[in-house]
């Protein structure tokens, strides 16, 4: 068991959805780019009524665009059902290090986004999430009472628009037409 205080050091990497068969298998949706990479981050931590509990997948199979997994010591459909519709968490420290200038999405969420456009500087808001579009990732930036307005903006996360990411100051500088 892990304390709720440690949850801030955890990252959601997948979700259990429903039971599969009668021998305790579960369908799992992976949030990792490579679906099977989810299995590299074990043990997993899953929220229960009493806090986070450690589980280990001891077997798996690809199933559509997800996985079916078997948790160690869970061999009954009814027991497996108690693990359904739960987030799968791992400690952020388990993630592999990135190259300089590369960031995990969770590191960008919460950054203040400052705009330098046509000689003007303004606060556009805060990164609330990112979207994967195929061509490039897109920042979802939501304005608030301190920003230029309360608009939500979708800004491509590319060298063309992102000037700087400063993790120490928790800010990102972009060049983006504030009318968009």
C-alpha atoms as a PDB file:
ATOM      1  CA  UNK A   1       0.000   0.000   0.000  1.00  0.00           C
ATOM      2  CA  UNK A   2       1.190   3.517  -0.745  1.00  0.00           C
ATOM      3  CA  UNK A   3      -0.018   6.693   0.935  1.00  0.00           C
ATOM      4  CA  UNK A   4      -2.241   9.229  -0.786  1.00  0.00           C
ATOM      5  CA  UNK A   5       0.551  11.796  -0.242  1.00  0.00           C
ATOM      6  CA  UNK A   6       2.657   9.866  -2.752  1.00  0.00           C
ATOM      7  CA  UNK A   7       0.012  10.134  -5.482  1.00  0.00           C
ATOM      8  CA  UNK A   8       1.527  13.423  -6.703  1.00  0.00           C
ATOM      9  CA  UNK A   9       4.674  11.468  -7.597  1.00  0.00           C
ATOM     10  CA  UNK A  10       2.625   9.000  -9.641  1.00  0.00           C
ATOM     11  CA  UNK A  11       1.568   9.105 -13.274  1.00  0.00           C
ATOM     12  CA  UNK A  12      -1.504   7.491 -14.820  1.00  0.00           C
ATOM     13  CA  UNK A  13      -0.266   5.221 -17.620  1.00  0.00           C
ATOM     14  CA  UNK A  14      -3.354   3.133 -18.342  1.00  0.00           C
ATOM     15  CA  UNK A  15      -6.767   1.991 -17.183  1.00  0.00           C
ATOM     16  CA  UNK A  16      -8.451  -1.315 -16.515  1.00  0.00           C
ATOM     17  CA  UNK A  17     -11.792  -1.526 -18.276  1.00  0.00           C
ATOM     18  CA  UNK A  18     -13.659  -4.820 -17.916  1.00  0.00           C
ATOM     19  CA  UNK A  19     -13.187  -8.512 -17.214  1.00  0.00           C
ATOM     20  CA  UNK A  20     -12.233 -10.912 -19.981  1.00  0.00           C
ATOM     21  CA  UNK A  21     -13.269 -14.533 -19.603  1.00  0.00           C
ATOM     22  CA  UNK A  22     -13.753 -16.421 -16.352  1.00  0.00           C
ATOM     23  CA  UNK A  23     -10.148 -16.901 -15.166  1.00  0.00           C
ATOM     24  CA  UNK A  24      -9.428 -13.409 -13.829  1.00  0.00           C
ATOM     25  CA  UNK A  25      -8.203 -11.647 -16.951  1.00  0.00           C
ATOM     26  CA  UNK A  26      -8.871  -7.929 -17.475  1.00  0.00           C
ATOM     27  CA  UNK A  27      -8.978  -5.662 -20.501  1.00  0.00           C
ATOM     28  CA  UNK A  28      -6.505  -2.806 -20.154  1.00  0.00           C
ATOM     29  CA  UNK A  29      -6.191   0.391 -22.145  1.00  0.00           C
ATOM     30  CA  UNK A  30      -2.619   1.709 -22.300  1.00  0.00           C
ATOM     31  CA  UNK A  31      -1.811   5.425 -22.486  1.00  0.00           C
ATOM     32  CA  UNK A  32       1.763   4.671 -23.567  1.00  0.00           C
ATOM     33  CA  UNK A  33       2.693   5.296 -27.199  1.00  0.00           C
ATOM     34  CA  UNK A  34       3.674   1.637 -27.612  1.00  0.00           C
ATOM     35  CA  UNK A  35       0.796  -0.279 -25.989  1.00  0.00           C
ATOM     36  CA  UNK A  36       3.007  -3.081 -24.680  1.00  0.00           C
ATOM     37  CA  UNK A  37       5.450  -0.601 -23.102  1.00  0.00           C
ATOM     38  CA  UNK A  38       2.917  -0.331 -20.272  1.00  0.00           C
ATOM     39  CA  UNK A  39       4.153  -3.726 -19.080  1.00  0.00           C
ATOM     40  CA  UNK A  40       7.692  -2.351 -18.637  1.00  0.00           C
ATOM     41  CA  UNK A  41       6.541  -0.096 -15.784  1.00  0.00           C
ATOM     42  CA  UNK A  42       5.721  -2.717 -13.200  1.00  0.00           C
ATOM     43  CA  UNK A  43       4.617  -3.062 -10.518  1.00  0.00           C
ATOM     44  CA  UNK A  44       1.489  -0.997 -11.109  1.00  0.00           C
ATOM     45  CA  UNK A  45      -0.444   0.868  -8.457  1.00  0.00           C
ATOM     46  CA  UNK A  46      -4.233   0.910  -8.576  1.00  0.00           C
ATOM     47  CA  UNK A  47      -6.544   3.025  -6.465  1.00  0.00           C
ATOM     48  CA  UNK A  48      -8.810   1.215  -4.028  1.00  0.00           C
ATOM     49  CA  UNK A  49     -11.099   2.436  -1.267  1.00  0.00           C
ATOM     50  CA  UNK A  50      -8.183   2.177   1.179  1.00  0.00           C
ATOM     51  CA  UNK A  51      -5.531   3.819  -1.027  1.00  0.00           C
ATOM     52  CA  UNK A  52      -3.187   2.677  -3.753  1.00  0.00           C
ATOM     53  CA  UNK A  53      -2.488  -1.035  -3.922  1.00  0.00           C
ATOM     54  CA  UNK A  54       0.382  -2.697  -5.766  1.00  0.00           C
ATOM     55  CA  UNK A  55      -0.430  -5.243  -8.505  1.00  0.00           C
ATOM     56  CA  UNK A  56       1.700  -7.139 -10.997  1.00  0.00           C
ATOM     57  CA  UNK A  57       0.592  -8.406 -14.389  1.00  0.00           C
ATOM     58  CA  UNK A  58       2.052 -11.896 -14.707  1.00  0.00           C
ATOM     59  CA  UNK A  59       0.718 -12.570 -18.214  1.00  0.00           C
ATOM     60  CA  UNK A  60      -0.694 -10.548 -21.103  1.00  0.00           C
ATOM     61  CA  UNK A  61      -1.951 -10.762 -24.672  1.00  0.00           C
ATOM     62  CA  UNK A  62      -2.584  -8.089 -27.311  1.00  0.00           C
ATOM     63  CA  UNK A  63      -6.304  -7.555 -27.816  1.00  0.00           C
ATOM     64  CA  UNK A  64      -7.417  -5.074 -30.488  1.00  0.00           C
ATOM     65  CA  UNK A  65      -5.719  -1.767 -29.711  1.00  0.00           C
ATOM     66  CA  UNK A  66      -5.311  -2.686 -26.055  1.00  0.00           C
ATOM     67  CA  UNK A  67      -4.221  -5.566 -23.873  1.00  0.00           C
ATOM     68  CA  UNK A  68      -5.730  -8.276 -21.776  1.00  0.00           C
ATOM     69  CA  UNK A  69      -3.734  -8.935 -18.636  1.00  0.00           C
ATOM     70  CA  UNK A  70      -3.744 -11.358 -15.759  1.00  0.00           C
ATOM     71  CA  UNK A  71      -2.874 -10.031 -12.307  1.00  0.00           C
ATOM     72  CA  UNK A  72      -0.786 -12.273 -10.094  1.00  0.00           C
ATOM     73  CA  UNK A  73      -3.013 -14.295  -7.714  1.00  0.00           C
ATOM     74  CA  UNK A  74      -6.274 -13.156  -9.366  1.00  0.00           C
ATOM     75  CA  UNK A  75      -7.800 -16.271 -10.934  1.00  0.00           C
ATOM     76  CA  UNK A  76     -11.510 -15.569 -10.548  1.00  0.00           C
ATOM     77  CA  UNK A  77     -13.790 -13.400 -12.687  1.00  0.00           C
ATOM     78  CA  UNK A  78     -15.575 -11.944  -9.638  1.00  0.00           C
ATOM     79  CA  UNK A  79     -12.288 -10.947  -7.984  1.00  0.00           C
ATOM     80  CA  UNK A  80     -11.051  -9.461 -11.270  1.00  0.00           C
ATOM     81  CA  UNK A  81     -14.279  -7.457 -11.534  1.00  0.00           C
ATOM     82  CA  UNK A  82     -13.270  -5.500  -8.405  1.00  0.00           C
ATOM     83  CA  UNK A  83     -10.250  -4.208 -10.393  1.00  0.00           C
ATOM     84  CA  UNK A  84     -12.365  -2.857 -13.301  1.00  0.00           C
ATOM     85  CA  UNK A  85     -12.600   0.833 -14.227  1.00  0.00           C
ATOM     86  CA  UNK A  86      -9.446   1.773 -12.304  1.00  0.00           C
ATOM     87  CA  UNK A  87      -6.504   3.960 -13.292  1.00  0.00           C
ATOM     88  CA  UNK A  88      -3.099   2.290 -13.474  1.00  0.00           C
ATOM     89  CA  UNK A  89      -0.375   4.428 -11.895  1.00  0.00           C
ATOM     90  CA  UNK A  90       3.403   4.162 -11.739  1.00  0.00           C
ATOM     91  CA  UNK A  91       6.002   6.341 -10.027  1.00  0.00           C
ATOM     92  CA  UNK A  92       7.190   9.123 -12.352  1.00  0.00           C
ATOM     93  CA  UNK A  93      10.742   8.094 -11.452  1.00  0.00           C
ATOM     94  CA  UNK A  94      10.235   4.872 -13.473  1.00  0.00           C
ATOM     95  CA  UNK A  95      10.062   6.784 -16.757  1.00  0.00           C
ATOM     96  CA  UNK A  96      13.232   6.711 -18.822  1.00  0.00           C
ATOM     97  CA  UNK A  97      15.254   9.920 -19.028  1.00  0.00           C
ATOM     98  CA  UNK A  98      14.724  12.098 -22.087  1.00  0.00           C
ATOM     99  CA  UNK A  99      17.137  14.010 -24.259  1.00  0.00           C
ATOM    100  CA  UNK A 100      17.689  17.692 -23.465  1.00  0.00           C
ATOM    101  CA  UNK A 101      14.786  19.696 -24.831  1.00  0.00           C
ATOM    102  CA  UNK A 102      12.368  16.749 -24.790  1.00  0.00           C
ATOM    103  CA  UNK A 103       9.529  16.616 -22.265  1.00  0.00           C
ATOM    104  CA  UNK A 104       6.840  14.226 -21.174  1.00  0.00           C
ATOM    105  CA  UNK A 105       3.327  15.608 -21.609  1.00  0.00           C
ATOM    106  CA  UNK A 106       2.725  15.602 -17.847  1.00  0.00           C
ATOM    107  CA  UNK A 107       5.702  17.955 -17.451  1.00  0.00           C
ATOM    108  CA  UNK A 108       4.131  20.530 -19.799  1.00  0.00           C
ATOM    109  CA  UNK A 109       0.690  20.504 -18.196  1.00  0.00           C
ATOM    110  CA  UNK A 110       0.448  23.409 -15.755  1.00  0.00           C
ATOM    111  CA  UNK A 111       3.076  25.601 -17.424  1.00  0.00           C
ATOM    112  CA  UNK A 112       2.177  29.273 -17.877  1.00  0.00           C
ATOM    113  CA  UNK A 113       2.224  30.205 -21.561  1.00  0.00           C
ATOM    114  CA  UNK A 114       3.645  33.611 -22.440  1.00  0.00           C
ATOM    115  CA  UNK A 115       3.260  34.954 -25.936  1.00  0.00           C
ATOM    116  CA  UNK A 116       5.775  37.055 -27.888  1.00  0.00           C
ATOM    117  CA  UNK A 117       3.955  38.207 -30.986  1.00  0.00           C
ATOM    118  CA  UNK A 118       4.773  41.259 -33.122  1.00  0.00           C
ATOM    119  CA  UNK A 119       6.831  42.856 -30.343  1.00  0.00           C
ATOM    120  CA  UNK A 120       4.102  42.437 -27.714  1.00  0.00           C
ATOM    121  CA  UNK A 121       4.316  40.089 -24.739  1.00  0.00           C
ATOM    122  CA  UNK A 122       1.249  38.707 -22.988  1.00  0.00           C
ATOM    123  CA  UNK A 123       0.128  35.790 -20.850  1.00  0.00           C
ATOM    124  CA  UNK A 124      -2.142  33.447 -22.836  1.00  0.00           C
ATOM    125  CA  UNK A 125      -2.915  31.091 -19.951  1.00  0.00           C
ATOM    126  CA  UNK A 126      -1.918  27.668 -18.719  1.00  0.00           C
ATOM    127  CA  UNK A 127      -1.346  24.377 -20.531  1.00  0.00           C
ATOM    128  CA  UNK A 128      -4.273  22.188 -19.432  1.00  0.00           C
ATOM    129  CA  UNK A 129      -3.618  19.200 -21.700  1.00  0.00           C
ATOM    130  CA  UNK A 130      -2.138  18.088 -24.993  1.00  0.00           C
ATOM    131  CA  UNK A 131      -3.667  16.447 -28.042  1.00  0.00           C
ATOM    132  CA  UNK A 132      -2.050  14.046 -30.467  1.00  0.00           C
ATOM    133  CA  UNK A 133      -2.987  14.972 -34.036  1.00  0.00           C
ATOM    134  CA  UNK A 134      -0.556  12.979 -36.133  1.00  0.00           C
ATOM    135  CA  UNK A 135       1.393  15.859 -37.651  1.00  0.00           C
ATOM    136  CA  UNK A 136       2.456  17.212 -34.254  1.00  0.00           C
ATOM    137  CA  UNK A 137       1.173  17.432 -30.708  1.00  0.00           C
ATOM    138  CA  UNK A 138      -1.089  20.353 -29.827  1.00  0.00           C
ATOM    139  CA  UNK A 139      -1.059  22.336 -26.575  1.00  0.00           C
ATOM    140  CA  UNK A 140      -4.445  23.138 -25.054  1.00  0.00           C
ATOM    141  CA  UNK A 141      -3.940  26.537 -23.387  1.00  0.00           C
ATOM    142  CA  UNK A 142      -6.731  27.925 -21.204  1.00  0.00           C
ATOM    143  CA  UNK A 143      -6.833  31.593 -20.269  1.00  0.00           C
ATOM    144  CA  UNK A 144      -7.808  32.822 -16.804  1.00  0.00           C
ATOM    145  CA  UNK A 145      -8.246  36.105 -14.913  1.00  0.00           C
ATOM    146  CA  UNK A 146      -4.524  36.930 -15.184  1.00  0.00           C
ATOM    147  CA  UNK A 147      -4.197  36.223 -18.907  1.00  0.00           C
ATOM    148  CA  UNK A 148      -5.039  38.328 -21.944  1.00  0.00           C
ATOM    149  CA  UNK A 149      -8.509  36.706 -21.993  1.00  0.00           C
ATOM    150  CA  UNK A 150     -10.250  33.518 -20.865  1.00  0.00           C
ATOM    151  CA  UNK A 151     -10.117  31.846 -24.279  1.00  0.00           C
ATOM    152  CA  UNK A 152      -8.970  28.322 -24.912  1.00  0.00           C
ATOM    153  CA  UNK A 153      -6.303  28.107 -27.613  1.00  0.00           C
ATOM    154  CA  UNK A 154      -4.912  25.144 -29.499  1.00  0.00           C
ATOM    155  CA  UNK A 155      -1.237  25.807 -30.242  1.00  0.00           C
ATOM    156  CA  UNK A 156       0.885  23.328 -32.215  1.00  0.00           C
ATOM    157  CA  UNK A 157       3.788  22.092 -30.140  1.00  0.00           C
ATOM    158  CA  UNK A 158       6.440  22.687 -32.776  1.00  0.00           C
ATOM    159  CA  UNK A 159       9.638  24.699 -33.185  1.00  0.00           C
ATOM    160  CA  UNK A 160       7.717  27.100 -35.406  1.00  0.00           C
ATOM    161  CA  UNK A 161       5.546  28.287 -32.483  1.00  0.00           C
ATOM    162  CA  UNK A 162       7.269  27.222 -29.239  1.00  0.00           C
ATOM    163  CA  UNK A 163      10.239  29.483 -28.546  1.00  0.00           C
ATOM    164  CA  UNK A 164      11.302  28.227 -25.124  1.00  0.00           C
ATOM    165  CA  UNK A 165      10.305  25.840 -22.350  1.00  0.00           C
ATOM    166  CA  UNK A 166      11.650  26.782 -18.914  1.00  0.00           C
ATOM    167  CA  UNK A 167      10.869  24.026 -16.428  1.00  0.00           C
ATOM    168  CA  UNK A 168      12.585  25.885 -13.565  1.00  0.00           C
ATOM    169  CA  UNK A 169      10.326  28.933 -13.980  1.00  0.00           C
ATOM    170  CA  UNK A 170       7.376  26.713 -14.990  1.00  0.00           C
ATOM    171  CA  UNK A 171       6.759  28.720 -18.142  1.00  0.00           C
ATOM    172  CA  UNK A 172       6.675  28.350 -21.886  1.00  0.00           C
ATOM    173  CA  UNK A 173       7.184  31.127 -24.417  1.00  0.00           C
ATOM    174  CA  UNK A 174       5.377  30.915 -27.750  1.00  0.00           C
ATOM    175  CA  UNK A 175       4.870  33.062 -30.821  1.00  0.00           C
ATOM    176  CA  UNK A 176       1.158  32.847 -31.588  1.00  0.00           C
ATOM    177  CA  UNK A 177      -1.387  35.257 -33.020  1.00  0.00           C
ATOM    178  CA  UNK A 178      -3.600  35.938 -29.960  1.00  0.00           C
ATOM    179  CA  UNK A 179      -6.647  36.307 -32.247  1.00  0.00           C
ATOM    180  CA  UNK A 180      -6.539  32.517 -32.850  1.00  0.00           C
END
